Structures are given as C-alpha cells and as structure tokens.
PDB file of N, CA and C in Angstrom:
ATOM      1  N   MET A   1      86.258 126.992  72.546  1.00  0.00           N
ATOM      2  CA  MET A   1      86.661 126.740  73.907  1.00  0.00           C
ATOM      3  C   MET A   1      86.320 125.311  74.310  1.00  0.00           C
ATOM      4  N   ALA A   2      85.226 124.776  73.783  1.00  0.00           N
ATOM      5  CA  ALA A   2      84.842 123.407  74.111  1.00  0.00           C
ATOM      6  C   ALA A   2      85.878 122.429  73.588  1.00  0.00           C
ATOM      7  N   LEU A   3      86.418 122.709  72.408  1.00  0.00           N
ATOM      8  CA  LEU A   3      87.446 121.836  71.854  1.00  0.00           C
ATOM      9  C   LEU A   3      88.719 121.863  72.693  1.00  0.00           C
ATOM     10  N   GLN A   4      89.020 123.001  73.283  1.00  0.00           N
ATOM     11  CA  GLN A   4      90.186 123.079  74.159  1.00  0.00           C
ATOM     12  C   GLN A   4      89.985 122.227  75.409  1.00  0.00           C
ATOM     13  N   PHE A   5      88.793 122.289  75.992  1.00  0.00           N
ATOM     14  CA  PHE A   5      88.491 121.440  77.141  1.00  0.00           C
ATOM     15  C   PHE A   5      88.590 119.965  76.762  1.00  0.00           C
ATOM     16  N   ILE A   6      88.066 119.613  75.592  1.00  0.00           N
ATOM     17  CA  ILE A   6      88.107 118.221  75.143  1.00  0.00           C
ATOM     18  C   ILE A   6      89.552 117.776  74.949  1.00  0.00           C
ATOM     19  N   LEU A   7      90.370 118.624  74.355  1.00  0.00           N
ATOM     20  CA  LEU A   7      91.763 118.281  74.116  1.00  0.00           C
ATOM     21  C   LEU A   7      92.529 118.100  75.427  1.00  0.00           C
ATOM     22  N   VAL A   8      92.371 119.029  76.344  1.00  0.00           N
ATOM     23  CA  VAL A   8      93.067 118.941  77.630  1.00  0.00           C
ATOM     24  C   VAL A   8      92.603 117.715  78.414  1.00  0.00           C
ATOM     25  N   THR A   9      91.310 117.465  78.426  1.00  0.00           N
ATOM     26  CA  THR A   9      90.780 116.302  79.131  1.00  0.00           C
ATOM     27  C   THR A   9      91.255 115.010  78.481  1.00  0.00           C
ATOM     28  N   SER A  10      91.323 114.990  77.165  1.00  0.00           N
ATOM     29  CA  SER A  10      91.798 113.792  76.465  1.00  0.00           C
ATOM     30  C   SER A  10      93.257 113.503  76.778  1.00  0.00           C
ATOM     31  N   VAL A  11      94.084 114.538  76.790  1.00  0.00           N
ATOM     32  CA  VAL A  11      95.497 114.349  77.126  1.00  0.00           C
ATOM     33  C   VAL A  11      95.633 113.846  78.558  1.00  0.00           C
ATOM     34  N   ALA A  12      94.862 114.432  79.476  1.00  0.00           N
ATOM     35  CA  ALA A  12      94.911 113.972  80.868  1.00  0.00           C
ATOM     36  C   ALA A  12      94.436 112.527  80.995  1.00  0.00           C
ATOM     37  N   ALA A  13      93.419 112.144  80.225  1.00  0.00           N
ATOM     38  CA  ALA A  13      92.920 110.764  80.273  1.00  0.00           C
ATOM     39  C   ALA A  13      93.934 109.796  79.676  1.00  0.00           C
ATOM     40  N   ILE A  14      94.638 110.206  78.620  1.00  0.00           N
ATOM     41  CA  ILE A  14      95.672 109.345  78.030  1.00  0.00           C
ATOM     42  C   ILE A  14      96.817 109.149  79.014  1.00  0.00           C
ATOM     43  N   VAL A  15      97.243 110.227  79.674  1.00  0.00           N
ATOM     44  CA  VAL A  15      98.298 110.117  80.683  1.00  0.00           C
ATOM     45  C   VAL A  15      97.847 109.203  81.813  1.00  0.00           C
ATOM     46  N   TYR A  16      96.618 109.368  82.254  1.00  0.00           N
ATOM     47  CA  TYR A  16      96.080 108.491  83.298  1.00  0.00           C
ATOM     48  C   TYR A  16      96.039 107.038  82.823  1.00  0.00           C
ATOM     49  N   GLY A  17      95.670 106.809  81.565  1.00  0.00           N
ATOM     50  CA  GLY A  17      95.650 105.456  81.007  1.00  0.00           C
ATOM     51  C   GLY A  17      97.038 104.840  80.973  1.00  0.00           C
ATOM     52  N   PHE A  18      98.053 105.662  80.620  1.00  0.00           N
ATOM     53  CA  PHE A  18      99.423 105.149  80.628  1.00  0.00           C
ATOM     54  C   PHE A  18      99.868 104.787  82.044  1.00  0.00           C
ATOM     55  N   ILE A  19      99.502 105.607  83.004  1.00  0.00           N
ATOM     56  CA  ILE A  19      99.884 105.331  84.386  1.00  0.00           C
ATOM     57  C   ILE A  19      99.147 104.103  84.906  1.00  0.00           C
ATOM     58  N   ARG A  20      97.888 104.011  84.596  1.00  0.00           N
ATOM     59  CA  ARG A  20      97.055 102.928  85.121  1.00  0.00           C
ATOM     60  C   ARG A  20      97.337 101.578  84.464  1.00  0.00           C
ATOM     61  N   ARG A  21      97.405 101.566  83.131  1.00  0.00           N
ATOM     62  CA  ARG A  21      97.555 100.300  82.409  1.00  0.00           C
ATOM     63  C   ARG A  21      98.947 100.084  81.831  1.00  0.00           C
ATOM     64  N   GLY A  22      99.715 101.123  81.693  1.00  0.00           N
ATOM     65  CA  GLY A  22     101.064 100.990  81.143  1.00  0.00           C
ATOM     66  C   GLY A  22     101.105 101.006  79.625  1.00  0.00           C
ATOM     67  N   SER A  23      99.988 101.213  78.972  1.00  0.00           N
ATOM     68  CA  SER A  23      99.942 101.287  77.512  1.00  0.00           C
ATOM     69  C   SER A  23      98.816 102.229  77.096  1.00  0.00           C
ATOM     70  N   PHE A  24      98.749 102.524  75.801  1.00  0.00           N
ATOM     71  CA  PHE A  24      97.712 103.434  75.302  1.00  0.00           C
ATOM     72  C   PHE A  24      96.352 102.747  75.336  1.00  0.00           C
ATOM     73  N   THR A  25      95.416 103.417  75.920  1.00  0.00           N
ATOM     74  CA  THR A  25      94.038 102.926  75.911  1.00  0.00           C
ATOM     75  C   THR A  25      93.091 104.120  75.801  1.00  0.00           C
ATOM     76  N   PRO A  26      92.223 104.106  74.802  1.00  0.00           N
ATOM     77  CA  PRO A  26      91.276 105.219  74.669  1.00  0.00           C
ATOM     78  C   PRO A  26      90.031 105.054  75.542  1.00  0.00           C
ATOM     79  N   ALA A  27      90.024 104.048  76.386  1.00  0.00           N
ATOM     80  CA  ALA A  27      88.832 103.766  77.187  1.00  0.00           C
ATOM     81  C   ALA A  27      88.491 104.906  78.139  1.00  0.00           C
ATOM     82  N   TYR A  28      89.492 105.622  78.618  1.00  0.00           N
ATOM     83  CA  TYR A  28      89.246 106.680  79.592  1.00  0.00           C
ATOM     84  C   TYR A  28      88.900 108.021  78.963  1.00  0.00           C
ATOM     85  N   ILE A  29      89.184 108.187  77.678  1.00  0.00           N
ATOM     86  CA  ILE A  29      89.043 109.497  77.042  1.00  0.00           C
ATOM     87  C   ILE A  29      87.589 109.963  77.015  1.00  0.00           C
ATOM     88  N   PHE A  30      86.690 109.128  76.520  1.00  0.00           N
ATOM     89  CA  PHE A  30      85.306 109.559  76.363  1.00  0.00           C
ATOM     90  C   PHE A  30      84.606 109.693  77.709  1.00  0.00           C
ATOM     91  N   THR A  31      84.905 108.787  78.630  1.00  0.00           N
ATOM     92  CA  THR A  31      84.309 108.896  79.965  1.00  0.00           C
ATOM     93  C   THR A  31      84.738 110.181  80.649  1.00  0.00           C
ATOM     94  N   ALA A  32      86.017 110.515  80.545  1.00  0.00           N
ATOM     95  CA  ALA A  32      86.513 111.743  81.173  1.00  0.00           C
ATOM     96  C   ALA A  32      85.885 112.977  80.547  1.00  0.00           C
ATOM     97  N   ASN A  33      85.758 112.991  79.225  1.00  0.00           N
ATOM     98  CA  ASN A  33      85.157 114.153  78.558  1.00  0.00           C
ATOM     99  C   ASN A  33      83.680 114.299  78.902  1.00  0.00           C
ATOM    100  N   PHE A  34      82.951 113.180  78.937  1.00  0.00           N
ATOM    101  CA  PHE A  34      81.546 113.260  79.334  1.00  0.00           C
ATOM    102  C   PHE A  34      81.423 113.746  80.780  1.00  0.00           C
ATOM    103  N   LEU A  35      82.316 113.280  81.644  1.00  0.00           N
ATOM    104  CA  LEU A  35      82.272 113.693  83.050  1.00  0.00           C
ATOM    105  C   LEU A  35      82.556 115.179  83.198  1.00  0.00           C
ATOM    106  N   VAL A  36      83.538 115.690  82.465  1.00  0.00           N
ATOM    107  CA  VAL A  36      83.835 117.134  82.511  1.00  0.00           C
ATOM    108  C   VAL A  36      82.636 117.936  82.015  1.00  0.00           C
ATOM    109  N   GLY A  37      82.006 117.496  80.935  1.00  0.00           N
ATOM    110  CA  GLY A  37      80.820 118.187  80.427  1.00  0.00           C
ATOM    111  C   GLY A  37      79.680 118.198  81.426  1.00  0.00           C
ATOM    112  N   VAL A  38      79.453 117.073  82.078  1.00  0.00           N
ATOM    113  CA  VAL A  38      78.373 116.989  83.068  1.00  0.00           C
ATOM    114  C   VAL A  38      78.679 117.863  84.285  1.00  0.00           C
ATOM    115  N   ILE A  39      79.938 117.915  84.697  1.00  0.00           N
ATOM    116  CA  ILE A  39      80.303 118.776  85.836  1.00  0.00           C
ATOM    117  C   ILE A  39      80.076 120.244  85.490  1.00  0.00           C
ATOM    118  N   ILE A  40      80.452 120.661  84.290  1.00  0.00           N
ATOM    119  CA  ILE A  40      80.242 122.055  83.880  1.00  0.00           C
ATOM    120  C   ILE A  40      78.752 122.368  83.772  1.00  0.00           C
ATOM    121  N   ILE A  41      77.964 121.447  83.257  1.00  0.00           N
ATOM    122  CA  ILE A  41      76.511 121.647  83.187  1.00  0.00           C
ATOM    123  C   ILE A  41      75.926 121.760  84.595  1.00  0.00           C
ATOM    124  N   SER A  42      76.388 120.929  85.519  1.00  0.00           N
ATOM    125  CA  SER A  42      75.890 120.987  86.902  1.00  0.00           C
ATOM    126  C   SER A  42      76.233 122.314  87.566  1.00  0.00           C
ATOM    127  N   ILE A  43      77.450 122.790  87.340  1.00  0.00           N
ATOM    128  CA  ILE A  43      77.850 124.083  87.905  1.00  0.00           C
ATOM    129  C   ILE A  43      76.975 125.200  87.349  1.00  0.00           C
ATOM    130  N   SER A  44      76.683 125.160  86.055  1.00  0.00           N
ATOM    131  CA  SER A  44      75.850 126.212  85.465  1.00  0.00           C
ATOM    132  C   SER A  44      74.431 126.168  86.011  1.00  0.00           C
ATOM    133  N   LEU A  45      73.887 124.976  86.247  1.00  0.00           N
ATOM    134  CA  LEU A  45      72.539 124.883  86.811  1.00  0.00           C
ATOM    135  C   LEU A  45      72.504 125.404  88.245  1.00  0.00           C
ATOM    136  N   VAL A  46      73.549 125.132  89.014  1.00  0.00           N
ATOM    137  CA  VAL A  46      73.618 125.670  90.373  1.00  0.00           C
ATOM    138  C   VAL A  46      73.730 127.187  90.335  1.00  0.00           C
ATOM    139  N   MET A  47      74.510 127.716  89.380  1.00  0.00           N
ATOM    140  CA  MET A  47      74.631 129.168  89.250  1.00  0.00           C
ATOM    141  C   MET A  47      73.290 129.812  88.921  1.00  0.00           C
ATOM    142  N   MET A  48      72.463 129.124  88.142  1.00  0.00           N
ATOM    143  CA  MET A  48      71.150 129.675  87.795  1.00  0.00           C
ATOM    144  C   MET A  48      70.214 129.683  88.997  1.00  0.00           C
ATOM    145  N   ILE A  49      70.344 128.698  89.861  1.00  0.00           N
ATOM    146  CA  ILE A  49      69.419 128.553  90.986  1.00  0.00           C
ATOM    147  C   ILE A  49      69.759 129.489  92.135  1.00  0.00           C
ATOM    148  N   ILE A  50      71.042 129.635  92.441  1.00  0.00           N
ATOM    149  CA  ILE A  50      71.456 130.439  93.591  1.00  0.00           C
ATOM    150  C   ILE A  50      71.173 131.914  93.310  1.00  0.00           C
ATOM    151  N   PRO A  51      70.503 132.592  94.235  1.00  0.00           N
ATOM    152  CA  PRO A  51      70.188 134.012  93.999  1.00  0.00           C
ATOM    153  C   PRO A  51      71.428 134.895  94.154  1.00  0.00           C
ATOM    154  N   VAL A  52      71.304 136.103  93.634  1.00  0.00           N
ATOM    155  CA  VAL A  52      72.373 137.089  93.733  1.00  0.00           C
ATOM    156  C   VAL A  52      72.374 137.639  95.144  1.00  0.00           C
ATOM    157  N   SER A  53      73.560 137.785  95.699  1.00  0.00           N
ATOM    158  CA  SER A  53      73.638 138.329  97.055  1.00  0.00           C
ATOM    159  C   SER A  53      73.840 139.839  97.000  1.00  0.00           C
ATOM    160  N   LEU A  54      73.086 140.536  97.790  1.00  0.00           N
ATOM    161  CA  LEU A  54      73.211 141.987  97.896  1.00  0.00           C
ATOM    162  C   LEU A  54      73.829 142.328  99.242  1.00  0.00           C
ATOM    163  N   LYS A  55      74.763 143.245  99.217  1.00  0.00           N
ATOM    164  CA  LYS A  55      75.383 143.707 100.453  1.00  0.00           C
ATOM    165  C   LYS A  55      74.844 145.105 100.751  1.00  0.00           C
ATOM    166  N   PHE A  56      74.022 145.193 101.760  1.00  0.00           N
ATOM    167  CA  PHE A  56      73.445 146.472 102.139  1.00  0.00           C
ATOM    168  C   PHE A  56      74.400 147.211 103.061  1.00  0.00           C
ATOM    169  N   ASP A  57      74.533 148.506 102.826  1.00  0.00           N
ATOM    170  CA  ASP A  57      75.314 149.343 103.729  1.00  0.00           C
ATOM    171  C   ASP A  57      74.470 150.544 104.124  1.00  0.00           C
ATOM    172  N   LYS A  58      75.069 151.494 104.758  1.00  0.00           N
ATOM    173  CA  LYS A  58      74.308 152.641 105.265  1.00  0.00           C
ATOM    174  C   LYS A  58      73.755 153.515 104.145  1.00  0.00           C
ATOM    175  N   LEU A  59      74.421 153.546 103.011  1.00  0.00           N
ATOM    176  CA  LEU A  59      74.002 154.431 101.934  1.00  0.00           C
ATOM    177  C   LEU A  59      73.121 153.755 100.887  1.00  0.00           C
ATOM    178  N   THR A  60      72.794 152.489 101.083  1.00  0.00           N
ATOM    179  CA  THR A  60      71.965 151.782 100.114  1.00  0.00           C
ATOM    180  C   THR A  60      70.512 152.186 100.280  1.00  0.00           C
ATOM    181  N   ASP A  61      69.927 152.621  99.197  1.00  0.00           N
ATOM    182  CA  ASP A  61      68.514 152.968  99.198  1.00  0.00           C
ATOM    183  C   ASP A  61      67.726 151.708  98.847  1.00  0.00           C
ATOM    184  N   HIS A  62      66.691 151.434  99.585  1.00  0.00           N
ATOM    185  CA  HIS A  62      65.926 150.199  99.401  1.00  0.00           C
ATOM    186  C   HIS A  62      64.757 150.388  98.451  1.00  0.00           C
ATOM    187  N   THR A  63      64.906 151.269  97.491  1.00  0.00           N
ATOM    188  CA  THR A  63      63.813 151.493  96.528  1.00  0.00           C
ATOM    189  C   THR A  63      64.249 150.982  95.162  1.00  0.00           C
ATOM    190  N   THR A  64      64.066 151.783  94.159  1.00  0.00           N
ATOM    191  CA  THR A  64      64.310 151.325  92.787  1.00  0.00           C
ATOM    192  C   THR A  64      65.788 151.066  92.505  1.00  0.00           C
ATOM    193  N   PHE A  65      66.695 151.730  93.213  1.00  0.00           N
ATOM    194  CA  PHE A  65      68.109 151.494  92.983  1.00  0.00           C
ATOM    195  C   PHE A  65      68.468 150.039  93.267  1.00  0.00           C
ATOM    196  N   THR A  66      67.971 149.528  94.379  1.00  0.00           N
ATOM    197  CA  THR A  66      68.260 148.140  94.752  1.00  0.00           C
ATOM    198  C   THR A  66      67.663 147.183  93.732  1.00  0.00           C
ATOM    199  N   GLU A  67      66.460 147.463  93.268  1.00  0.00           N
ATOM    200  CA  GLU A  67      65.838 146.592  92.271  1.00  0.00           C
ATOM    201  C   GLU A  67      66.619 146.608  90.962  1.00  0.00           C
ATOM    202  N   ARG A  68      67.031 147.788  90.513  1.00  0.00           N
ATOM    203  CA  ARG A  68      67.808 147.869  89.280  1.00  0.00           C
ATOM    204  C   ARG A  68      69.153 147.172  89.435  1.00  0.00           C
ATOM    205  N   PHE A  69      69.794 147.375  90.583  1.00  0.00           N
ATOM    206  CA  PHE A  69      71.079 146.746  90.843  1.00  0.00           C
ATOM    207  C   PHE A  69      70.933 145.228  90.908  1.00  0.00           C
ATOM    208  N   TYR A  70      69.890 144.753  91.585  1.00  0.00           N
ATOM    209  CA  TYR A  70      69.643 143.316  91.714  1.00  0.00           C
ATOM    210  C   TYR A  70      69.343 142.691  90.368  1.00  0.00           C
ATOM    211  N   VAL A  71      68.488 143.345  89.580  1.00  0.00           N
ATOM    212  CA  VAL A  71      68.129 142.819  88.260  1.00  0.00           C
ATOM    213  C   VAL A  71      69.349 142.818  87.343  1.00  0.00           C
ATOM    214  N   GLY A  72      70.169 143.843  87.404  1.00  0.00           N
ATOM    215  CA  GLY A  72      71.370 143.903  86.581  1.00  0.00           C
ATOM    216  C   GLY A  72      72.345 142.786  86.918  1.00  0.00           C
ATOM    217  N   GLN A  73      72.573 142.590  88.206  1.00  0.00           N
ATOM    218  CA  GLN A  73      73.473 141.508  88.612  1.00  0.00           C
ATOM    219  C   GLN A  73      72.885 140.146  88.273  1.00  0.00           C
ATOM    220  N   HIS A  74      71.579 140.012  88.436  1.00  0.00           N
ATOM    221  CA  HIS A  74      70.922 138.746  88.122  1.00  0.00           C
ATOM    222  C   HIS A  74      71.043 138.417  86.634  1.00  0.00           C
ATOM    223  N   MET A  75      70.885 139.420  85.786  1.00  0.00           N
ATOM    224  CA  MET A  75      71.007 139.198  84.347  1.00  0.00           C
ATOM    225  C   MET A  75      72.442 138.824  83.967  1.00  0.00           C
ATOM    226  N   GLU A  76      73.436 139.476  84.597  1.00  0.00           N
ATOM    227  CA  GLU A  76      74.828 139.122  84.333  1.00  0.00           C
ATOM    228  C   GLU A  76      75.121 137.693  84.773  1.00  0.00           C
ATOM    229  N   LYS A  77      74.593 137.314  85.918  1.00  0.00           N
ATOM    230  CA  LYS A  77      74.802 135.961  86.421  1.00  0.00           C
ATOM    231  C   LYS A  77      74.123 134.940  85.524  1.00  0.00           C
ATOM    232  N   GLN A  78      72.923 135.245  85.048  1.00  0.00           N
ATOM    233  CA  GLN A  78      72.219 134.346  84.138  1.00  0.00           C
ATOM    234  C   GLN A  78      72.985 134.191  82.823  1.00  0.00           C
ATOM    235  N   LYS A  79      73.540 135.291  82.324  1.00  0.00           N
ATOM    236  CA  LYS A  79      74.303 135.247  81.080  1.00  0.00           C
ATOM    237  C   LYS A  79      75.547 134.367  81.247  1.00  0.00           C
ATOM    238  N   LYS A  80      76.231 134.509  82.369  1.00  0.00           N
ATOM    239  CA  LYS A  80      77.404 133.686  82.635  1.00  0.00           C
ATOM    240  C   LYS A  80      77.012 132.214  82.797  1.00  0.00           C
ATOM    241  N   ALA A  81      75.901 131.958  83.465  1.00  0.00           N
ATOM    242  CA  ALA A  81      75.434 130.580  83.655  1.00  0.00           C
ATOM    243  C   ALA A  81      75.046 129.951  82.324  1.00  0.00           C
ATOM    244  N   PHE A  82      74.394 130.708  81.446  1.00  0.00           N
ATOM    245  CA  PHE A  82      74.050 130.174  80.124  1.00  0.00           C
ATOM    246  C   PHE A  82      75.305 129.905  79.296  1.00  0.00           C
ATOM    247  N   GLY A  83      76.336 130.731  79.471  1.00  0.00           N
ATOM    248  CA  GLY A  83      77.604 130.478  78.790  1.00  0.00           C
ATOM    249  C   GLY A  83      78.217 129.154  79.240  1.00  0.00           C
ATOM    250  N   PHE A  84      78.224 128.915  80.554  1.00  0.00           N
ATOM    251  CA  PHE A  84      78.730 127.645  81.072  1.00  0.00           C
ATOM    252  C   PHE A  84      77.864 126.474  80.616  1.00  0.00           C
ATOM    253  N   LEU A  85      76.558 126.686  80.591  1.00  0.00           N
ATOM    254  CA  LEU A  85      75.655 125.622  80.156  1.00  0.00           C
ATOM    255  C   LEU A  85      75.916 125.245  78.696  1.00  0.00           C
ATOM    256  N   SER A  86      76.073 126.248  77.843  1.00  0.00           N
ATOM    257  CA  SER A  86      76.350 125.947  76.436  1.00  0.00           C
ATOM    258  C   SER A  86      77.719 125.299  76.276  1.00  0.00           C
ATOM    259  N   LEU A  87      78.699 125.709  77.074  1.00  0.00           N
ATOM    260  CA  LEU A  87      80.015 125.088  77.021  1.00  0.00           C
ATOM    261  C   LEU A  87      79.929 123.608  77.391  1.00  0.00           C
ATOM    262  N   GLY A  88      79.232 123.304  78.468  1.00  0.00           N
ATOM    263  CA  GLY A  88      79.074 121.909  78.879  1.00  0.00           C
ATOM    264  C   GLY A  88      78.331 121.087  77.852  1.00  0.00           C
ATOM    265  N   LEU A  89      77.276 121.662  77.280  1.00  0.00           N
ATOM    266  CA  LEU A  89      76.526 120.933  76.249  1.00  0.00           C
ATOM    267  C   LEU A  89      77.362 120.685  75.008  1.00  0.00           C
ATOM    268  N   PHE A  90      78.153 121.682  74.600  1.00  0.00           N
ATOM    269  CA  PHE A  90      79.015 121.496  73.440  1.00  0.00           C
ATOM    270  C   PHE A  90      80.076 120.437  73.704  1.00  0.00           C
ATOM    271  N   ILE A  91      80.626 120.403  74.909  1.00  0.00           N
ATOM    272  CA  ILE A  91      81.613 119.377  75.243  1.00  0.00           C
ATOM    273  C   ILE A  91      80.991 117.993  75.125  1.00  0.00           C
ATOM    274  N   VAL A  92      79.806 117.822  75.681  1.00  0.00           N
ATOM    275  CA  VAL A  92      79.141 116.520  75.624  1.00  0.00           C
ATOM    276  C   VAL A  92      78.772 116.161  74.185  1.00  0.00           C
ATOM    277  N   LEU A  93      78.226 117.114  73.437  1.00  0.00           N
ATOM    278  CA  LEU A  93      77.825 116.835  72.050  1.00  0.00           C
ATOM    279  C   LEU A  93      79.012 116.523  71.151  1.00  0.00           C
ATOM    280  N   ILE A  94      80.066 117.304  71.238  1.00  0.00           N
ATOM    281  CA  ILE A  94      81.234 117.067  70.390  1.00  0.00           C
ATOM    282  C   ILE A  94      81.887 115.738  70.746  1.00  0.00           C
ATOM    283  N   THR A  95      81.986 115.450  72.040  1.00  0.00           N
ATOM    284  CA  THR A  95      82.558 114.167  72.450  1.00  0.00           C
ATOM    285  C   THR A  95      81.706 113.013  71.950  1.00  0.00           C
ATOM    286  N   GLY A  96      80.400 113.132  72.046  1.00  0.00           N
ATOM    287  CA  GLY A  96      79.517 112.089  71.549  1.00  0.00           C
ATOM    288  C   GLY A  96      79.641 111.897  70.043  1.00  0.00           C
ATOM    289  N   LEU A  97      79.718 112.999  69.304  1.00  0.00           N
ATOM    290  CA  LEU A  97      79.876 112.894  67.845  1.00  0.00           C
ATOM    291  C   LEU A  97      81.210 112.252  67.464  1.00  0.00           C
ATOM    292  N   ILE A  98      82.268 112.614  68.177  1.00  0.00           N
ATOM    293  CA  ILE A  98      83.568 112.005  67.906  1.00  0.00           C
ATOM    294  C   ILE A  98      83.528 110.517  68.219  1.00  0.00           C
ATOM    295  N   GLN A  99      82.877 110.149  69.307  1.00  0.00           N
ATOM    296  CA  GLN A  99      82.777 108.740  69.666  1.00  0.00           C
ATOM    297  C   GLN A  99      81.978 107.960  68.626  1.00  0.00           C
ATOM    298  N   ILE A 100      80.883 108.508  68.149  1.00  0.00           N
ATOM    299  CA  ILE A 100      80.084 107.844  67.110  1.00  0.00           C
ATOM    300  C   ILE A 100      80.884 107.730  65.816  1.00  0.00           C
ATOM    301  N   LEU A 101      81.586 108.794  65.455  1.00  0.00           N
ATOM    302  CA  LEU A 101      82.404 108.767  64.237  1.00  0.00           C
ATOM    303  C   LEU A 101      83.509 107.719  64.337  1.00  0.00           C
ATOM    304  N   LEU A 102      84.197 107.664  65.468  1.00  0.00           N
ATOM    305  CA  LEU A 102      85.251 106.661  65.631  1.00  0.00           C
ATOM    306  C   LEU A 102      84.683 105.241  65.638  1.00  0.00           C
ATOM    307  N   ALA A 103      83.532 105.051  66.259  1.00  0.00           N
ATOM    308  CA  ALA A 103      82.910 103.714  66.260  1.00  0.00           C
ATOM    309  C   ALA A 103      82.538 103.310  64.839  1.00  0.00           C
ATOM    310  N   PHE A 104      82.033 104.234  64.055  1.00  0.00           N
ATOM    311  CA  PHE A 104      81.675 103.943  62.668  1.00  0.00           C
ATOM    312  C   PHE A 104      82.908 103.626  61.838  1.00  0.00           C
ATOM    313  N   LEU A 105      83.984 104.434  62.023  1.00  0.00           N
ATOM    314  CA  LEU A 105      85.205 104.202  61.254  1.00  0.00           C
ATOM    315  C   LEU A 105      85.872 102.892  61.643  1.00  0.00           C
ATOM    316  N   LEU A 106      85.898 102.563  62.913  1.00  0.00           N
ATOM    317  CA  LEU A 106      86.511 101.311  63.344  1.00  0.00           C
ATOM    318  C   LEU A 106      85.691 100.101  62.917  1.00  0.00           C
ATOM    319  N   ARG A 107      84.412 100.253  62.830  1.00  0.00           N
ATOM    320  CA  ARG A 107      83.551  99.145  62.394  1.00  0.00           C
ATOM    321  C   ARG A 107      83.748  98.849  60.907  1.00  0.00           C
ATOM    322  N   THR A 108      83.941  99.904  60.113  1.00  0.00           N
ATOM    323  CA  THR A 108      84.108  99.701  58.677  1.00  0.00           C
ATOM    324  C   THR A 108      85.505  99.204  58.335  1.00  0.00           C
ATOM    325  N   LEU A 109      86.467  99.459  59.189  1.00  0.00           N
ATOM    326  CA  LEU A 109      87.836  98.997  58.918  1.00  0.00           C
ATOM    327  C   LEU A 109      87.923  97.586  59.352  1.00  0.00           C
TER     328      LEU A 109
END
C-alpha cells in the first residue's frame, strides 16, 4: 500500500512539475512523498492521543460493560493508528531509499 501512495504522489508531483515549469523535473517528487508520509504519521499520532468517545444512553450500564466496551474500542483505534503509523513510516523510508539509490546511480554515471 505504501508503494501505491508513493506512485500516486509521484504522478501528481510530475503533473504539478509539468504545469509549474513546463518540462519534466523530479524536484517535486521526493518532497511530495516525504510530505505525504509526514502527514500520515501526524494523523496516526493524533489518532493515538485522542480518546475514544462513548455515547451513553438510558440502557448503558456504567460498570464492567462500559469498561470492556471502552477498552475494546480503544484497542481497535490503537490498531488502526499503528497501521497508519507504519504506512507513513514505510512511505518515508521507501522514498528515502529510492532517493539515495538514484543519487548513487546518477553520481556514478
């Protein structure tokens, strides 16, 4: 999934480069991919910090049911946040590795 984000972001950055400069420029590709990765990491950190909201109604028991329900929802939210965090980290890492590889290949050529 991280590679799909990188591919879509790269295509969008190339299109933006064509619109902005009128020719192909890879200058926007890595910046855009790093920015997308950082935004996804930020969203996941916010998801981890914000508590789960409980909606109490007339039939809600405020004993162990609420605790089990709260803990269950909290664990699901944490799992989703860790998924987003790993996605953002993979986007940043893969983009960085591609950038290092391209810099090495261009230097040797």
